[in-house]
Amino acid sequence: MARGNQREKDRERAQARNGGKGKNKDDGLTPEQRRERDAKALQEKTAKKAAQAAGGESSGGGKGNNKK
Protein backbone atom coordinates (compact mmCIF):
# COMPACT_ATOMS: atom_id res chain seq x y z
CA MET A 1 0.00 0.00 0.00
CA ALA A 2 1.29 3.40 -0.88
CA ARG A 3 0.99 6.05 1.79
CA GLY A 4 1.57 8.94 -0.58
CA ASN A 5 2.26 12.22 1.14
CA GLN A 6 0.95 11.21 4.55
CA ARG A 7 4.12 12.33 6.35
CA GLU A 8 4.00 15.77 4.79
CA LYS A 9 0.34 16.16 5.71
CA ASP A 10 1.07 15.06 9.27
CA ARG A 11 3.94 17.54 9.53
CA GLU A 12 1.69 20.35 8.30
CA ARG A 13 -0.99 19.40 10.83
CA ALA A 14 1.54 19.22 13.66
CA GLN A 15 2.99 22.59 12.71
CA ALA A 16 -0.49 24.12 12.66
CA ARG A 17 -1.21 22.63 16.10
CA ASN A 18 2.02 23.99 17.56
CA GLY A 19 1.52 27.42 16.07
CA GLY A 20 4.47 27.04 13.74
CA LYS A 21 7.02 26.99 16.59
CA GLY A 22 9.05 24.08 15.37
CA LYS A 23 12.46 23.14 16.74
CA ASN A 24 14.14 26.51 16.94
CA LYS A 25 17.05 26.54 19.36
CA ASP A 26 17.97 30.17 18.67
CA ASP A 27 17.13 31.85 21.96
CA GLY A 28 19.45 34.82 21.42
CA LEU A 29 22.14 33.55 23.78
CA THR A 30 25.75 32.78 23.12
CA PRO A 31 26.92 29.27 23.94
CA GLU A 32 28.67 30.60 27.07
CA GLN A 33 25.52 32.36 28.29
CA ARG A 34 23.48 29.23 27.62
CA ARG A 35 26.00 27.13 29.57
CA GLU A 36 25.80 29.53 32.54
CA ARG A 37 22.00 29.53 32.46
CA ASP A 38 21.86 25.74 32.32
CA ALA A 39 24.43 25.37 35.12
CA LYS A 40 22.46 27.74 37.35
CA ALA A 41 19.22 25.86 36.65
CA LEU A 42 20.92 22.55 37.43
CA GLN A 43 22.32 23.89 40.72
CA GLU A 44 18.87 25.13 41.74
CA LYS A 45 17.35 21.79 40.85
CA THR A 46 19.89 19.80 42.83
CA ALA A 47 19.56 22.16 45.82
CA LYS A 48 15.78 21.75 45.75
CA LYS A 49 16.10 17.99 45.52
CA ALA A 50 18.59 17.91 48.39
CA ALA A 51 16.26 20.05 50.52
CA GLN A 52 13.38 17.69 49.80
CA ALA A 53 15.50 14.67 50.66
CA ALA A 54 16.67 16.23 53.93
CA GLY A 55 13.36 17.61 55.08
CA GLY A 56 10.78 15.42 53.45
CA GLU A 57 11.88 11.88 54.15
CA SER A 58 8.72 11.07 56.11
CA SER A 59 6.39 12.33 53.38
CA GLY A 60 5.58 8.79 52.28
CA GLY A 61 6.21 9.53 48.64
CA GLY A 62 9.60 7.86 48.39
CA LYS A 63 10.34 4.73 46.44
CA GLY A 64 11.27 1.76 48.56
CA ASN A 65 12.05 3.70 51.74
CA ASN A 66 9.75 1.65 53.94
CA LYS A 67 11.59 0.95 57.19
CA LYS A 68 9.92 -1.69 59.35
PDB file of N, CA and C in Angstrom:
ATOM      1  N   MET A   1       0.826  -1.184   0.000  1.00  0.00           N
ATOM      2  CA  MET A   1       0.000   0.000   0.000  1.00  0.00           C
ATOM      3  C   MET A   1       0.867   1.242   0.000  1.00  0.00           C
ATOM      4  N   ALA A   2       0.540   2.148  -0.836  1.00  0.00           N
ATOM      5  CA  ALA A   2       1.288   3.401  -0.885  1.00  0.00           C
ATOM      6  C   ALA A   2       0.652   4.414   0.057  1.00  0.00           C
ATOM      7  N   ARG A   3       1.496   5.070   0.834  1.00  0.00           N
ATOM      8  CA  ARG A   3       0.989   6.053   1.787  1.00  0.00           C
ATOM      9  C   ARG A   3       0.951   7.442   1.175  1.00  0.00           C
ATOM     10  N   GLY A   4       1.614   7.628   0.062  1.00  0.00           N
ATOM     11  CA  GLY A   4       1.569   8.936  -0.580  1.00  0.00           C
ATOM     12  C   GLY A   4       2.276   9.993   0.251  1.00  0.00           C
ATOM     13  N   ASN A   5       1.623  11.109   0.428  1.00  0.00           N
ATOM     14  CA  ASN A   5       2.256  12.219   1.138  1.00  0.00           C
ATOM     15  C   ASN A   5       1.736  12.345   2.575  1.00  0.00           C
ATOM     16  N   GLN A   6       1.508  11.210   3.203  1.00  0.00           N
ATOM     17  CA  GLN A   6       0.955  11.215   4.551  1.00  0.00           C
ATOM     18  C   GLN A   6       1.875  11.919   5.536  1.00  0.00           C
ATOM     19  N   ARG A   7       3.178  11.687   5.427  1.00  0.00           N
ATOM     20  CA  ARG A   7       4.121  12.326   6.347  1.00  0.00           C
ATOM     21  C   ARG A   7       4.067  13.833   6.225  1.00  0.00           C
ATOM     22  N   GLU A   8       4.046  14.325   4.989  1.00  0.00           N
ATOM     23  CA  GLU A   8       4.005  15.771   4.791  1.00  0.00           C
ATOM     24  C   GLU A   8       2.724  16.368   5.355  1.00  0.00           C
ATOM     25  N   LYS A   9       1.614  15.674   5.157  1.00  0.00           N
ATOM     26  CA  LYS A   9       0.343  16.161   5.705  1.00  0.00           C
ATOM     27  C   LYS A   9       0.386  16.182   7.224  1.00  0.00           C
ATOM     28  N   ASP A  10       0.953  15.123   7.822  1.00  0.00           N
ATOM     29  CA  ASP A  10       1.066  15.060   9.270  1.00  0.00           C
ATOM     30  C   ASP A  10       1.961  16.171   9.806  1.00  0.00           C
ATOM     31  N   ARG A  11       3.063  16.452   9.108  1.00  0.00           N
ATOM     32  CA  ARG A  11       3.942  17.544   9.534  1.00  0.00           C
ATOM     33  C   ARG A  11       3.223  18.877   9.487  1.00  0.00           C
ATOM     34  N   GLU A  12       2.444  19.099   8.426  1.00  0.00           N
ATOM     35  CA  GLU A  12       1.692  20.349   8.300  1.00  0.00           C
ATOM     36  C   GLU A  12       0.674  20.470   9.435  1.00  0.00           C
ATOM     37  N   ARG A  13      -0.009  19.374   9.746  1.00  0.00           N
ATOM     38  CA  ARG A  13      -0.989  19.404  10.830  1.00  0.00           C
ATOM     39  C   ARG A  13      -0.323  19.662  12.171  1.00  0.00           C
ATOM     40  N   ALA A  14       0.825  19.024  12.402  1.00  0.00           N
ATOM     41  CA  ALA A  14       1.542  19.223  13.660  1.00  0.00           C
ATOM     42  C   ALA A  14       2.029  20.657  13.781  1.00  0.00           C
ATOM     43  N   GLN A  15       2.514  21.205  12.690  1.00  0.00           N
ATOM     44  CA  GLN A  15       2.989  22.585  12.711  1.00  0.00           C
ATOM     45  C   GLN A  15       1.838  23.546  12.981  1.00  0.00           C
ATOM     46  N   ALA A  16       0.679  23.274  12.417  1.00  0.00           N
ATOM     47  CA  ALA A  16      -0.489  24.120  12.661  1.00  0.00           C
ATOM     48  C   ALA A  16      -0.926  24.017  14.123  1.00  0.00           C
ATOM     49  N   ARG A  17      -0.844  22.810  14.690  1.00  0.00           N
ATOM     50  CA  ARG A  17      -1.209  22.627  16.097  1.00  0.00           C
ATOM     51  C   ARG A  17      -0.269  23.382  17.019  1.00  0.00           C
ATOM     52  N   ASN A  18       1.020  23.366  16.708  1.00  0.00           N
ATOM     53  CA  ASN A  18       2.018  23.994  17.562  1.00  0.00           C
ATOM     54  C   ASN A  18       2.188  25.474  17.263  1.00  0.00           C
ATOM     55  N   GLY A  19       1.418  26.009  16.390  1.00  0.00           N
ATOM     56  CA  GLY A  19       1.524  27.421  16.075  1.00  0.00           C
ATOM     57  C   GLY A  19       2.745  27.762  15.242  1.00  0.00           C
ATOM     58  N   GLY A  20       3.317  26.783  14.594  1.00  0.00           N
ATOM     59  CA  GLY A  20       4.473  27.043  13.738  1.00  0.00           C
ATOM     60  C   GLY A  20       5.766  27.236  14.513  1.00  0.00           C
ATOM     61  N   LYS A  21       5.811  26.808  15.780  1.00  0.00           N
ATOM     62  CA  LYS A  21       7.017  26.990  16.593  1.00  0.00           C
ATOM     63  C   LYS A  21       8.190  26.201  16.026  1.00  0.00           C
ATOM     64  N   GLY A  22       7.998  24.931  15.897  1.00  0.00           N
ATOM     65  CA  GLY A  22       9.053  24.076  15.372  1.00  0.00           C
ATOM     66  C   GLY A  22      10.184  23.900  16.362  1.00  0.00           C
ATOM     67  N   LYS A  23      11.295  23.370  15.891  1.00  0.00           N
ATOM     68  CA  LYS A  23      12.460  23.140  16.736  1.00  0.00           C
ATOM     69  C   LYS A  23      13.470  24.257  16.498  1.00  0.00           C
ATOM     70  N   ASN A  24      13.243  25.392  17.104  1.00  0.00           N
ATOM     71  CA  ASN A  24      14.143  26.513  16.936  1.00  0.00           C
ATOM     72  C   ASN A  24      14.927  26.718  18.215  1.00  0.00           C
ATOM     73  N   LYS A  25      16.219  26.436  18.172  1.00  0.00           N
ATOM     74  CA  LYS A  25      17.051  26.542  19.357  1.00  0.00           C
ATOM     75  C   LYS A  25      17.666  27.928  19.497  1.00  0.00           C
ATOM     76  N   ASP A  26      17.381  28.839  18.622  1.00  0.00           N
ATOM     77  CA  ASP A  26      17.966  30.166  18.666  1.00  0.00           C
ATOM     78  C   ASP A  26      17.221  31.012  19.693  1.00  0.00           C
ATOM     79  N   ASP A  27      17.773  31.078  20.908  1.00  0.00           N
ATOM     80  CA  ASP A  27      17.133  31.854  21.958  1.00  0.00           C
ATOM     81  C   ASP A  27      17.854  33.177  22.195  1.00  0.00           C
ATOM     82  N   GLY A  28      18.761  33.545  21.313  1.00  0.00           N
ATOM     83  CA  GLY A  28      19.449  34.818  21.419  1.00  0.00           C
ATOM     84  C   GLY A  28      20.613  34.811  22.385  1.00  0.00           C
ATOM     85  N   LEU A  29      21.031  33.653  22.836  1.00  0.00           N
ATOM     86  CA  LEU A  29      22.141  33.553  23.782  1.00  0.00           C
ATOM     87  C   LEU A  29      23.366  32.963  23.101  1.00  0.00           C
ATOM     88  N   THR A  30      24.515  33.392  23.598  1.00  0.00           N
ATOM     89  CA  THR A  30      25.748  32.784  23.117  1.00  0.00           C
ATOM     90  C   THR A  30      25.898  31.433  23.811  1.00  0.00           C
ATOM     91  N   PRO A  31      26.739  30.576  23.284  1.00  0.00           N
ATOM     92  CA  PRO A  31      26.922  29.273  23.939  1.00  0.00           C
ATOM     93  C   PRO A  31      27.372  29.407  25.402  1.00  0.00           C
ATOM     94  N   GLU A  32      28.208  30.404  25.694  1.00  0.00           N
ATOM     95  CA  GLU A  32      28.669  30.603  27.074  1.00  0.00           C
ATOM     96  C   GLU A  32      27.518  31.030  27.974  1.00  0.00           C
ATOM     97  N   GLN A  33      26.670  31.925  27.503  1.00  0.00           N
ATOM     98  CA  GLN A  33      25.516  32.357  28.286  1.00  0.00           C
ATOM     99  C   GLN A  33      24.560  31.192  28.523  1.00  0.00           C
ATOM    100  N   ARG A  34      24.362  30.386  27.505  1.00  0.00           N
ATOM    101  CA  ARG A  34      23.478  29.227  27.619  1.00  0.00           C
ATOM    102  C   ARG A  34      24.029  28.242  28.651  1.00  0.00           C
ATOM    103  N   ARG A  35      25.354  28.033  28.622  1.00  0.00           N
ATOM    104  CA  ARG A  35      26.005  27.133  29.572  1.00  0.00           C
ATOM    105  C   ARG A  35      25.806  27.629  31.005  1.00  0.00           C
ATOM    106  N   GLU A  36      25.983  28.957  31.203  1.00  0.00           N
ATOM    107  CA  GLU A  36      25.803  29.530  32.538  1.00  0.00           C
ATOM    108  C   GLU A  36      24.361  29.380  33.008  1.00  0.00           C
ATOM    109  N   ARG A  37      23.420  29.647  32.114  1.00  0.00           N
ATOM    110  CA  ARG A  37      21.996  29.527  32.460  1.00  0.00           C
ATOM    111  C   ARG A  37      21.657  28.094  32.847  1.00  0.00           C
ATOM    112  N   ASP A  38      22.150  27.149  32.051  1.00  0.00           N
ATOM    113  CA  ASP A  38      21.862  25.744  32.321  1.00  0.00           C
ATOM    114  C   ASP A  38      22.517  25.280  33.624  1.00  0.00           C
ATOM    115  N   ALA A  39      23.740  25.750  33.891  1.00  0.00           N
ATOM    116  CA  ALA A  39      24.427  25.373  35.123  1.00  0.00           C
ATOM    117  C   ALA A  39      23.677  25.916  36.337  1.00  0.00           C
ATOM    118  N   LYS A  40      23.204  27.145  36.234  1.00  0.00           N
ATOM    119  CA  LYS A  40      22.455  27.739  37.348  1.00  0.00           C
ATOM    120  C   LYS A  40      21.160  26.962  37.589  1.00  0.00           C
ATOM    121  N   ALA A  41      20.467  26.615  36.522  1.00  0.00           N
ATOM    122  CA  ALA A  41      19.219  25.859  36.646  1.00  0.00           C
ATOM    123  C   ALA A  41      19.486  24.491  37.270  1.00  0.00           C
ATOM    124  N   LEU A  42      20.580  23.860  36.888  1.00  0.00           N
ATOM    125  CA  LEU A  42      20.921  22.550  37.432  1.00  0.00           C
ATOM    126  C   LEU A  42      21.257  22.648  38.918  1.00  0.00           C
ATOM    127  N   GLN A  43      21.992  23.706  39.313  1.00  0.00           N
ATOM    128  CA  GLN A  43      22.317  23.891  40.722  1.00  0.00           C
ATOM    129  C   GLN A  43      21.050  24.093  41.546  1.00  0.00           C
ATOM    130  N   GLU A  44      20.127  24.898  41.029  1.00  0.00           N
ATOM    131  CA  GLU A  44      18.873  25.126  41.737  1.00  0.00           C
ATOM    132  C   GLU A  44      18.079  23.828  41.882  1.00  0.00           C
ATOM    133  N   LYS A  45      18.082  23.044  40.823  1.00  0.00           N
ATOM    134  CA  LYS A  45      17.347  21.788  40.846  1.00  0.00           C
ATOM    135  C   LYS A  45      17.938  20.818  41.864  1.00  0.00           C
ATOM    136  N   THR A  46      19.264  20.714  41.874  1.00  0.00           N
ATOM    137  CA  THR A  46      19.895  19.800  42.829  1.00  0.00           C
ATOM    138  C   THR A  46      19.726  20.292  44.264  1.00  0.00           C
ATOM    139  N   ALA A  47      19.765  21.619  44.477  1.00  0.00           N
ATOM    140  CA  ALA A  47      19.562  22.159  45.824  1.00  0.00           C
ATOM    141  C   ALA A  47      18.138  21.870  46.296  1.00  0.00           C
ATOM    142  N   LYS A  48      17.172  22.024  45.399  1.00  0.00           N
ATOM    143  CA  LYS A  48      15.782  21.754  45.748  1.00  0.00           C
ATOM    144  C   LYS A  48      15.595  20.276  46.083  1.00  0.00           C
ATOM    145  N   LYS A  49      16.224  19.422  45.294  1.00  0.00           N
ATOM    146  CA  LYS A  49      16.098  17.986  45.519  1.00  0.00           C
ATOM    147  C   LYS A  49      16.759  17.583  46.842  1.00  0.00           C
ATOM    148  N   ALA A  50      17.897  18.208  47.144  1.00  0.00           N
ATOM    149  CA  ALA A  50      18.588  17.912  48.392  1.00  0.00           C
ATOM    150  C   ALA A  50      17.749  18.379  49.581  1.00  0.00           C
ATOM    151  N   ALA A  51      17.104  19.537  49.453  1.00  0.00           N
ATOM    152  CA  ALA A  51      16.263  20.048  50.522  1.00  0.00           C
ATOM    153  C   ALA A  51      15.066  19.131  50.746  1.00  0.00           C
ATOM    154  N   GLN A  52      14.513  18.619  49.683  1.00  0.00           N
ATOM    155  CA  GLN A  52      13.385  17.693  49.797  1.00  0.00           C
ATOM    156  C   GLN A  52      13.833  16.398  50.461  1.00  0.00           C
ATOM    157  N   ALA A  53      15.006  15.918  50.093  1.00  0.00           N
ATOM    158  CA  ALA A  53      15.504  14.669  50.663  1.00  0.00           C
ATOM    159  C   ALA A  53      15.804  14.840  52.145  1.00  0.00           C
ATOM    160  N   ALA A  54      16.309  16.003  52.530  1.00  0.00           N
ATOM    161  CA  ALA A  54      16.669  16.234  53.927  1.00  0.00           C
ATOM    162  C   ALA A  54      15.435  16.473  54.780  1.00  0.00           C
ATOM    163  N   GLY A  55      14.497  17.232  54.276  1.00  0.00           N
ATOM    164  CA  GLY A  55      13.355  17.607  55.081  1.00  0.00           C
ATOM    165  C   GLY A  55      12.115  16.784  54.861  1.00  0.00           C
ATOM    166  N   GLY A  56      12.017  16.100  53.766  1.00  0.00           N
ATOM    167  CA  GLY A  56      10.777  15.419  53.452  1.00  0.00           C
ATOM    168  C   GLY A  56      10.874  13.920  53.397  1.00  0.00           C
ATOM    169  N   GLU A  57      11.724  13.332  54.210  1.00  0.00           N
ATOM    170  CA  GLU A  57      11.882  11.883  54.150  1.00  0.00           C
ATOM    171  C   GLU A  57      10.654  11.147  54.647  1.00  0.00           C
ATOM    172  N   SER A  58       9.884  11.753  55.559  1.00  0.00           N
ATOM    173  CA  SER A  58       8.722  11.073  56.107  1.00  0.00           C
ATOM    174  C   SER A  58       7.442  11.410  55.361  1.00  0.00           C
ATOM    175  N   SER A  59       7.578  11.938  54.138  1.00  0.00           N
ATOM    176  CA  SER A  59       6.392  12.334  53.380  1.00  0.00           C
ATOM    177  C   SER A  59       5.625  11.141  52.831  1.00  0.00           C
ATOM    178  N   GLY A  60       6.257   9.982  52.758  1.00  0.00           N
ATOM    179  CA  GLY A  60       5.577   8.785  52.279  1.00  0.00           C
ATOM    180  C   GLY A  60       5.577   8.663  50.768  1.00  0.00           C
ATOM    181  N   GLY A  61       6.210   9.572  50.083  1.00  0.00           N
ATOM    182  CA  GLY A  61       6.214   9.526  48.637  1.00  0.00           C
ATOM    183  C   GLY A  61       7.452   8.891  48.046  1.00  0.00           C
ATOM    184  N   GLY A  62       8.365   8.436  48.878  1.00  0.00           N
ATOM    185  CA  GLY A  62       9.599   7.863  48.388  1.00  0.00           C
ATOM    186  C   GLY A  62       9.418   6.479  47.817  1.00  0.00           C
ATOM    187  N   LYS A  63      10.393   6.057  47.046  1.00  0.00           N
ATOM    188  CA  LYS A  63      10.339   4.734  46.435  1.00  0.00           C
ATOM    189  C   LYS A  63      11.186   3.769  47.258  1.00  0.00           C
ATOM    190  N   GLY A  64      10.554   2.807  47.859  1.00  0.00           N
ATOM    191  CA  GLY A  64      11.275   1.759  48.562  1.00  0.00           C
ATOM    192  C   GLY A  64      11.927   2.194  49.856  1.00  0.00           C
ATOM    193  N   ASN A  65      11.462   3.241  50.487  1.00  0.00           N
ATOM    194  CA  ASN A  65      12.052   3.701  51.739  1.00  0.00           C
ATOM    195  C   ASN A  65      11.211   3.264  52.930  1.00  0.00           C
ATOM    196  N   ASN A  66      10.603   2.130  52.852  1.00  0.00           N
ATOM    197  CA  ASN A  66       9.752   1.649  53.941  1.00  0.00           C
ATOM    198  C   ASN A  66      10.635   0.927  54.961  1.00  0.00           C
ATOM    199  N   LYS A  67      10.789   1.560  56.129  1.00  0.00           N
ATOM    200  CA  LYS A  67      11.588   0.953  57.194  1.00  0.00           C
ATOM    201  C   LYS A  67      10.644   0.329  58.200  1.00  0.00           C
ATOM    202  N   LYS A  68      10.796  -0.981  58.422  1.00  0.00           N
ATOM    203  CA  LYS A  68       9.917  -1.689  59.348  1.00  0.00           C
ATOM    204  C   LYS A  68      10.719  -2.327  60.435  1.00  0.00           C
TER     205      LYS A  68
END
